Protein backbone atom coordinates (compact mmCIF):
# COMPACT_ATOMS: atom_id res chain seq x y z
CA MET A 1 -70.18 152.57 104.59
CA PRO A 2 -68.55 153.88 101.38
CA PHE A 3 -69.10 152.15 98.06
CA SER A 4 -65.64 152.83 96.62
CA SER A 5 -64.21 150.45 94.04
CA LEU A 6 -67.65 148.91 93.59
CA PHE A 7 -67.46 148.53 89.83
CA ARG A 8 -63.78 147.59 89.42
CA LYS A 9 -64.48 143.88 89.02
CA LYS A 10 -67.57 144.38 86.90
CA LYS A 11 -66.60 147.34 84.79
CA ASP A 12 -66.35 145.23 81.67
CA LYS A 13 -70.03 144.38 82.07
CA VAL A 14 -71.19 147.98 82.26
CA VAL A 15 -72.40 149.29 78.92
CA ALA A 16 -70.81 152.61 78.10
CA THR A 17 -73.23 155.48 77.60
CA LYS A 18 -72.73 158.79 75.91
CA PRO A 19 -72.76 161.82 78.20
CA GLN A 20 -76.23 163.29 78.28
CA PRO A 21 -77.50 166.56 79.66
CA PRO A 22 -79.30 166.26 82.99
CA PRO A 23 -83.07 165.82 82.70
CA THR A 24 -85.26 168.84 83.16
CA PRO A 25 -85.88 169.16 86.90
CA PRO A 26 -89.47 169.18 88.14
CA VAL A 27 -91.09 172.52 88.71
CA THR A 28 -90.74 173.32 92.41
CA ALA A 29 -91.80 176.10 94.69
CA SER A 30 -90.65 176.56 98.26
CA LEU A 31 -93.30 176.54 100.97
CA ASP A 32 -91.06 178.54 103.27
CA ASP A 33 -93.22 181.67 103.24
CA ASN A 34 -96.29 181.85 105.45
CA ALA A 35 -98.66 182.71 102.60
CA ALA A 36 -97.86 179.47 100.80
CA LYS A 37 -98.23 177.40 103.98
CA GLN A 38 -101.65 178.86 104.72
CA LYS A 39 -102.96 177.69 101.34
CA LEU A 40 -101.98 174.09 101.98
CA VAL A 41 -104.61 172.64 104.28
CA PHE A 42 -105.27 168.90 104.40
CA ASN A 43 -108.27 167.08 105.84
CA ALA A 44 -107.56 164.22 108.23
CA GLN A 45 -109.31 161.64 110.39
CA LEU A 46 -108.31 158.81 112.68
CA ALA A 47 -108.57 155.55 110.72
CA GLN A 48 -110.82 153.93 113.34
CA GLY A 49 -113.23 156.86 113.09
CA SER A 50 -113.22 160.48 114.27
CA PRO A 51 -114.39 163.97 113.31
CA THR A 52 -112.49 165.56 110.43
CA ALA A 53 -109.63 167.89 111.34
CA SER A 54 -107.76 170.44 109.23
CA ILE A 55 -103.98 170.02 109.20
CA GLU A 56 -101.55 172.70 108.04
CA GLY A 57 -98.19 174.31 108.73
CA PHE A 58 -95.85 171.27 108.52
CA SER A 59 -92.69 170.70 106.47
CA ASN A 60 -91.77 167.08 107.17
CA VAL A 61 -93.31 163.82 108.31
CA LYS A 62 -92.43 164.31 111.98
CA GLU A 63 -94.04 167.76 112.00
CA LEU A 64 -97.12 166.31 110.28
CA TYR A 65 -97.45 163.64 112.99
CA LYS A 66 -97.22 166.33 115.68
CA LYS A 67 -99.95 168.34 113.97
CA LEU A 68 -102.16 165.24 113.75
CA ALA A 69 -101.58 164.45 117.43
CA GLU A 70 -102.50 168.01 118.42
CA ALA A 71 -105.63 167.98 116.25
CA PHE A 72 -106.94 164.73 117.75
CA ASN A 73 -105.61 165.36 121.27
CA ILE A 74 -103.53 162.17 121.41
CA PRO A 75 -99.82 161.56 122.13
CA VAL A 76 -97.76 161.66 118.94
CA ALA A 77 -96.26 158.29 119.94
CA GLU A 78 -99.69 156.70 119.39
CA ILE A 79 -99.52 157.19 115.59
CA ILE A 80 -98.04 154.18 113.79
CA PHE A 81 -98.50 155.31 110.17
CA CYS A 82 -100.85 157.21 107.87
CA THR A 83 -102.65 156.26 104.68
CA LEU A 84 -103.95 158.51 101.92
CA ASN A 85 -107.57 158.51 100.74
CA THR A 86 -108.53 155.32 102.60
CA HIS A 87 -109.05 154.48 106.26
CA LYS A 88 -108.14 150.85 105.58
CA CYS A 89 -104.74 149.32 106.26
CA ASP A 90 -103.76 149.57 102.59
CA MET A 91 -100.01 149.32 102.20
CA GLU A 92 -100.21 150.74 98.68
CA ARG A 93 -101.68 153.96 100.06
CA LEU A 94 -99.09 154.75 102.71
CA LEU A 95 -98.22 158.36 103.31
CA GLY A 96 -94.58 158.97 102.51
CA ALA A 97 -92.58 162.04 101.62
CA GLN A 98 -95.09 163.26 99.02
CA ILE A 99 -98.74 164.19 99.41
CA GLY A 100 -101.12 165.08 96.59
CA LEU A 101 -102.83 168.42 97.10
CA ASP A 102 -106.25 166.74 97.18
CA ASP A 103 -105.26 163.83 99.42
CA PHE A 104 -107.20 163.00 102.59
CA ILE A 105 -105.01 161.77 105.46
CA PHE A 106 -105.99 158.90 107.79
CA ALA A 107 -103.89 158.33 110.92
CA HIS A 108 -103.61 154.74 112.18
CA THR A 109 -103.00 154.60 115.92
CA LYS A 110 -101.82 151.94 118.35
CA GLY A 111 -104.17 149.15 119.34
CA GLU A 112 -103.56 145.77 120.93
CA LYS A 113 -100.04 144.62 121.83
CA LYS A 114 -99.02 141.07 120.88
CA VAL A 115 -95.98 139.10 122.06
CA LEU A 116 -95.07 136.12 119.90
CA THR A 117 -92.53 133.34 120.30
CA LEU A 118 -91.19 132.40 116.87
CA THR A 119 -88.68 129.82 115.73
CA LYS A 120 -86.55 130.76 112.74
CA SER A 121 -86.75 127.42 110.94
CA GLU A 122 -85.81 128.95 107.58
CA ALA A 123 -83.30 131.60 106.53
CA ALA A 124 -86.04 134.09 105.61
CA LEU A 125 -88.96 134.84 107.90
CA GLY A 126 -91.10 136.19 105.07
CA LEU A 127 -91.57 139.72 106.41
CA THR A 128 -91.16 142.84 104.32
CA ILE A 129 -90.67 145.89 106.54
CA THR A 130 -91.09 149.61 106.09
CA ASP A 131 -91.26 152.53 108.53
CA ASN A 132 -93.26 155.70 109.02
CA GLY A 133 -90.35 158.13 108.74
CA ALA A 134 -90.77 159.04 112.41
CA GLY A 135 -89.22 156.08 114.20
CA TYR A 136 -91.80 153.29 113.89
CA PRO A 137 -90.99 150.22 111.75
CA PHE A 138 -93.94 148.05 110.76
CA VAL A 139 -94.92 145.06 108.65
CA LYS A 140 -95.68 145.95 105.04
CA ARG A 141 -96.01 142.51 103.51
CA ILE A 142 -96.18 138.85 104.55
CA ARG A 143 -94.88 136.43 101.95
CA ALA A 144 -97.19 133.54 101.11
CA GLY A 145 -95.95 130.20 102.45
CA SER A 146 -93.39 131.81 104.76
CA ILE A 147 -92.67 131.12 108.43
CA VAL A 148 -94.52 134.23 109.57
CA GLU A 149 -97.63 133.44 107.55
CA LYS A 150 -98.18 130.42 109.81
CA TYR A 151 -98.58 132.79 112.76
CA GLU A 152 -102.05 134.18 112.17
CA THR A 153 -101.64 136.89 114.81
CA VAL A 154 -98.99 138.65 112.68
CA CYS A 155 -100.74 141.13 110.38
CA VAL A 156 -99.81 143.70 107.79
CA GLY A 157 -99.59 147.10 109.48
CA ASP A 158 -98.33 145.73 112.82
CA HIS A 159 -95.72 147.95 114.42
CA ILE A 160 -92.59 145.98 115.36
CA GLU A 161 -92.00 147.33 118.86
CA SER A 162 -89.16 145.06 119.97
CA ILE A 163 -87.11 141.96 119.12
CA ASN A 164 -86.10 139.83 122.10
CA ASN A 165 -87.25 142.68 124.36
CA VAL A 166 -84.85 145.13 122.68
CA SER A 167 -86.80 148.14 121.48
CA THR A 168 -86.83 148.95 117.76
CA VAL A 169 -88.49 152.34 118.24
CA GLY A 170 -86.37 155.00 116.53
CA THR A 171 -84.67 152.56 114.16
CA ARG A 172 -85.09 152.44 110.39
CA HIS A 173 -86.68 149.60 108.45
CA PHE A 174 -83.38 148.34 107.02
CA GLN A 175 -81.91 148.10 110.53
CA VAL A 176 -84.83 146.02 111.77
CA ALA A 177 -84.70 143.81 108.68
CA LYS A 178 -80.99 143.21 109.35
CA GLN A 179 -81.66 142.32 113.00
CA LEU A 180 -84.17 139.69 111.93
CA LYS A 181 -81.88 138.39 109.18
CA ASP A 182 -79.00 138.05 111.65
CA ILE A 183 -80.96 135.81 114.01
CA PRO A 184 -79.32 132.37 113.73
CA LEU A 185 -81.21 129.55 112.04
CA ASN A 186 -83.36 127.38 114.36
CA THR A 187 -83.26 130.05 117.06
CA THR A 188 -86.40 130.85 119.07
CA PHE A 189 -86.98 134.55 119.71
CA LEU A 190 -89.58 137.01 120.97
CA LEU A 191 -91.31 139.47 118.65
CA THR A 192 -93.45 142.21 120.20
CA LEU A 193 -95.99 143.76 117.85
CA VAL A 194 -98.61 146.48 118.20
CA GLU A 195 -101.49 146.31 115.77
CA PRO A 196 -103.27 149.44 114.54
CA LYS A 197 -106.76 150.13 115.83
CA LYS A 198 -109.43 149.07 113.37
CA GLY A 199 -112.89 150.31 112.52
CA PHE A 200 -115.80 147.88 112.29
CA ASP A 201 -115.24 147.28 108.56
CA MET A 202 -111.53 146.59 109.00
CA ILE A 203 -111.62 143.48 111.20
CA ALA A 204 -109.47 140.52 110.03
CA GLN A 205 -107.55 142.49 107.41
CA ARG A 206 -104.56 140.23 107.51
CA GLY A 207 -103.94 139.99 103.78
CA ALA A 208 -103.87 143.67 102.93
CA GLY A 209 -100.19 143.63 102.06
CA LYS A 210 -99.95 141.21 99.16
CA ALA A 211 -97.38 141.76 96.47
CA ALA A 212 -98.05 144.79 94.29
CA PRO A 213 -96.12 146.60 91.57
CA SER A 214 -95.25 149.63 93.65
CA SER A 215 -96.28 151.70 96.63
CA ASN A 216 -95.43 154.87 94.78
CA ASN A 217 -98.99 156.21 94.89
CA LEU A 218 -98.95 159.94 95.26
CA GLY A 219 -102.62 160.83 95.25
CA THR A 220 -104.95 162.25 92.69
CA GLY A 221 -103.54 165.72 92.14
CA LYS A 222 -101.08 166.73 89.42
CA SER A 223 -98.98 168.56 91.99
CA THR A 224 -97.62 167.19 95.24
CA VAL A 225 -96.09 168.50 98.43
CA ARG A 226 -92.61 167.04 98.91
CA LEU A 227 -91.75 166.69 102.59
CA ARG A 228 -88.05 166.82 103.38
CA SER A 229 -86.00 165.81 106.40
CA LYS A 230 -83.86 168.91 105.92
CA GLY A 231 -85.14 172.26 104.74
CA PRO A 232 -88.65 173.41 103.84
CA ALA A 233 -91.24 171.38 102.00
CA THR A 234 -91.63 172.12 98.31
CA LEU A 235 -94.50 172.06 95.84
CA GLU A 236 -93.60 169.87 92.87
CA GLU A 237 -95.12 168.41 89.76
CA ALA A 238 -96.08 164.77 90.20
CA PRO A 239 -93.42 162.31 88.94
CA SER A 240 -93.73 161.17 85.34
CA GLU A 241 -94.95 157.70 84.41
CA ASP A 242 -91.42 156.71 83.40
CA ASP A 243 -90.01 157.90 86.72
CA GLY A 244 -92.68 155.85 88.46
CA LYS A 245 -91.67 152.71 86.54
CA ALA A 246 -88.02 153.19 87.47
CA VAL A 247 -88.87 153.76 91.14
CA ALA A 248 -91.05 150.62 91.16
CA ARG A 249 -88.19 148.52 89.80
CA ILE A 250 -85.78 149.89 92.40
CA GLU A 251 -88.31 149.23 95.17
CA ASP A 252 -88.55 145.61 94.02
CA LEU A 253 -84.75 145.38 94.25
CA LEU A 254 -84.86 146.81 97.78
CA GLU A 255 -87.27 144.09 98.81
CA SER A 256 -85.24 141.37 97.14
CA PHE A 257 -81.87 142.40 98.60
CA MET A 258 -82.81 144.03 101.93
CA GLY A 259 -86.31 142.89 102.87
CA ILE A 260 -87.78 146.41 102.84
CA ARG A 261 -90.13 148.40 100.63
CA ASP A 262 -89.84 152.18 100.58
CA ALA A 263 -91.05 154.25 97.64
CA ASP A 264 -89.46 157.43 99.01
CA LEU A 265 -86.06 155.79 99.42
CA SER A 266 -86.39 154.24 95.96
CA SER A 267 -87.21 157.66 94.53
CA THR A 268 -84.12 159.16 96.15
CA ILE A 269 -81.93 156.36 94.77
CA TRP A 270 -83.40 156.97 91.31
CA GLU A 271 -82.67 160.69 91.59
CA CYS A 272 -79.09 159.83 92.56
CA GLY A 273 -78.59 157.88 89.34
CA LYS A 274 -80.91 159.08 86.59
CA SER A 275 -78.76 162.03 85.46
CA LYS A 276 -75.35 160.44 86.04
CA ASN A 277 -73.10 159.66 83.08
CA ASN A 278 -71.21 156.76 84.61
CA PRO A 279 -71.36 154.40 87.61
CA ASP A 280 -68.63 156.26 89.50
CA GLU A 281 -70.77 159.41 89.56
CA PHE A 282 -73.73 157.32 90.72
CA VAL A 283 -71.75 155.72 93.56
CA SER A 284 -70.46 159.13 94.62
CA SER A 285 -74.00 160.49 94.76
CA LEU A 286 -75.15 157.50 96.83
CA ASN A 287 -72.25 158.03 99.21
CA ASP A 288 -73.22 161.65 99.71
CA GLN A 289 -76.92 161.12 100.25
CA LEU A 290 -77.46 157.54 101.44
CA GLY A 291 -74.13 156.16 102.59
CA GLU A 292 -75.49 155.15 106.00
CA PHE A 293 -77.70 152.47 104.42
CA GLY A 294 -74.77 150.24 103.52
CA PHE A 295 -76.44 148.92 100.37
CA PRO A 296 -75.14 145.55 99.14
CA GLN A 297 -72.80 145.93 96.16
CA GLU A 298 -74.92 143.64 94.01
CA PHE A 299 -77.93 145.83 94.73
CA ILE A 300 -76.12 148.98 93.61
CA PHE A 301 -74.92 147.27 90.45
CA ASP A 302 -78.46 146.13 89.63
CA VAL A 303 -79.82 149.65 90.23
CA TRP A 304 -77.28 151.03 87.78
CA GLY A 305 -78.60 148.42 85.36
CA VAL A 306 -82.07 149.97 85.80
CA VAL A 307 -80.60 153.39 84.99
CA LEU A 308 -78.96 152.06 81.82
CA ASP A 309 -82.11 150.21 80.81
CA MET A 310 -84.32 153.26 81.22
CA ARG A 311 -81.79 155.38 79.38
CA SER A 312 -81.63 152.93 76.45
CA LYS A 313 -85.40 153.28 76.08
CA ASN A 314 -85.01 157.07 75.94
CA THR A 315 -87.49 157.48 78.73
CA PHE A 316 -85.66 160.35 80.38
């Protein structure tokens, strides 16, 4: 859905900024050649426990999941999500589109299925949703005092398999969040969840997804592998501290307006706006790259406010 004419009514509120040269792009190197791919080998285990496997030769998240499935001799559909450097269901250590060169990958696979009957007694259920980039939406956070918190069987990390017996597999987090938001008030509905398998030290980890500043953790290395949905992966310098702050603020806005948290999406939104001289250029960039998300107009306006705020502090 295009964002044309977004700022017409609010243009008087937008602070004018002087044209600035685009920021220096991060140092990147394509991983298209075989020699580069062979050097990038990551260690991985199943989160519930397994021998260590070496994973290499992937360019995006879907290819990574296939490599993991092959290494552990399991169907790729069994993998719900991956964490970096911890086998626990830590939502601040989710694998996204960037992996530090020293990161250790843990694959969390499907465990017990749960079917719940919930009544939407309030406008917001209290779920924050993300997805694994390969078609599986799951619970990233449960808001304290919310409707869902009263249902102790709902846990952070649970894959949302279906709503009212309609499969959500293959849909994005924002689509699932909208489906739940559109359920009429005081309606009773079915929610089918699949929890990740747990090791012995991971039992009863319901509260692992409490509010946190950002999920933009990219590992311990100074360089990262950037996985892309189109084209080859690239080797990049890790984002600066200022970029991280901006991405964290945008991710908070995503949760507030859309009920999702996604550091990779927030990073892409930031890249769309950080070098733009005016809001029209920003909206055009969003249209080109992320138009299918249908972001609320107030959200886009607030994101442009983040761009102006960061620019006024001369942080980029």
